[in-house]
Amino acid sequence: GHSVDLCTASSAPLASSHFGHSEHAHERVLGIPKHVFVPGLAMVFNLFIMMGGGIALKFFPLFYHQEYGLSDMAVCWIM
């Protein structure tokens, strides 16, 4: 059989071994460093999604009353 010694097997260098030393380290988007802009943009999108979910949740009791004719007590049990 053919065996490979994992300690001596060659592999591509890990990206983390070059962190901060690449030509991309100082890239900017809209004047903001890319390593700050990208996570910040993701946070803003998540905030909008969470706010939208909260707004929709607010109207669930009204939906149950109108569409299914449920009583207040039934809506409380569902929620």
Protein backbone atom coordinates (compact mmCIF):
# COMPACT_ATOMS: atom_id res chain seq x y z
CA GLY A 1 0.00 0.00 0.00
CA HIS A 2 0.89 3.62 -0.38
CA SER A 3 1.12 5.74 2.77
CA VAL A 4 1.67 9.45 3.18
CA ASP A 5 3.44 10.94 6.17
CA LEU A 6 1.25 13.89 7.13
CA CYS A 7 4.13 15.65 8.88
CA THR A 8 6.27 15.87 5.74
CA ALA A 9 3.54 16.12 3.08
CA SER A 10 3.81 19.41 1.23
CA SER A 11 0.77 21.63 1.21
CA ALA A 12 -0.15 25.12 0.13
CA PRO A 13 0.70 27.76 2.72
CA LEU A 14 -2.21 28.82 4.87
CA ALA A 15 -3.73 32.22 4.20
CA SER A 16 -3.28 33.12 7.88
CA SER A 17 0.50 32.78 7.51
CA HIS A 18 0.43 35.79 5.17
CA PHE A 19 -2.01 37.91 7.18
CA GLY A 20 -1.05 41.55 7.06
CA HIS A 21 1.75 40.99 4.55
CA SER A 22 -0.21 40.91 1.32
CA GLU A 23 -0.79 43.69 -1.15
CA HIS A 24 -4.48 43.63 -0.09
CA ALA A 25 -3.76 44.59 3.52
CA HIS A 26 -4.37 48.31 2.91
CA GLU A 27 -7.36 48.15 0.55
CA ARG A 28 -10.08 50.69 1.21
CA VAL A 29 -13.77 50.85 0.27
CA LEU A 30 -15.31 54.33 0.32
CA GLY A 31 -12.29 55.49 2.31
CA ILE A 32 -12.83 52.86 5.03
CA PRO A 33 -10.34 50.00 5.50
CA LYS A 34 -11.81 46.88 3.91
CA HIS A 35 -11.33 44.77 7.08
CA VAL A 36 -13.64 47.23 8.90
CA PHE A 37 -16.09 47.95 6.05
CA VAL A 38 -17.09 44.36 5.21
CA PRO A 39 -18.04 43.24 8.77
CA GLY A 40 -19.74 46.61 9.32
CA LEU A 41 -21.82 46.18 6.17
CA ALA A 42 -22.82 42.66 7.27
CA MET A 43 -23.85 44.06 10.67
CA VAL A 44 -26.03 46.76 9.04
CA PHE A 45 -27.77 44.19 6.82
CA ASN A 46 -28.40 41.92 9.82
CA LEU A 47 -29.84 44.87 11.74
CA PHE A 48 -32.33 45.59 8.92
CA ILE A 49 -33.33 41.92 8.74
CA MET A 50 -33.86 41.76 12.51
CA MET A 51 -35.90 44.98 12.49
CA GLY A 52 -38.05 43.65 9.65
CA GLY A 53 -38.65 40.42 11.55
CA GLY A 54 -39.70 42.35 14.64
CA ILE A 55 -42.14 44.48 12.67
CA ALA A 56 -43.73 41.40 11.08
CA LEU A 57 -44.04 39.69 14.49
CA LYS A 58 -45.97 42.69 15.77
CA PHE A 59 -48.82 42.01 13.29
CA PHE A 60 -49.22 38.23 13.80
CA PRO A 61 -52.13 38.60 16.29
CA LEU A 62 -54.01 40.80 13.84
CA PHE A 63 -53.44 38.23 11.08
CA TYR A 64 -54.77 35.40 13.27
CA HIS A 65 -57.85 37.45 14.24
CA GLN A 66 -58.67 38.48 10.68
CA GLU A 67 -57.77 35.37 8.68
CA TYR A 68 -58.70 32.59 11.11
CA GLY A 69 -61.17 34.36 13.41
CA LEU A 70 -59.27 33.28 16.52
CA SER A 71 -60.15 34.70 19.91
CA ASP A 72 -57.71 36.72 21.99
CA MET A 73 -57.09 33.72 24.24
CA ALA A 74 -56.32 31.46 21.26
CA VAL A 75 -53.85 34.01 19.89
CA CYS A 76 -52.17 34.17 23.32
CA TRP A 77 -51.75 30.39 23.31
CA ILE A 78 -50.19 30.51 19.84
CA MET A 79 -47.85 33.38 20.61
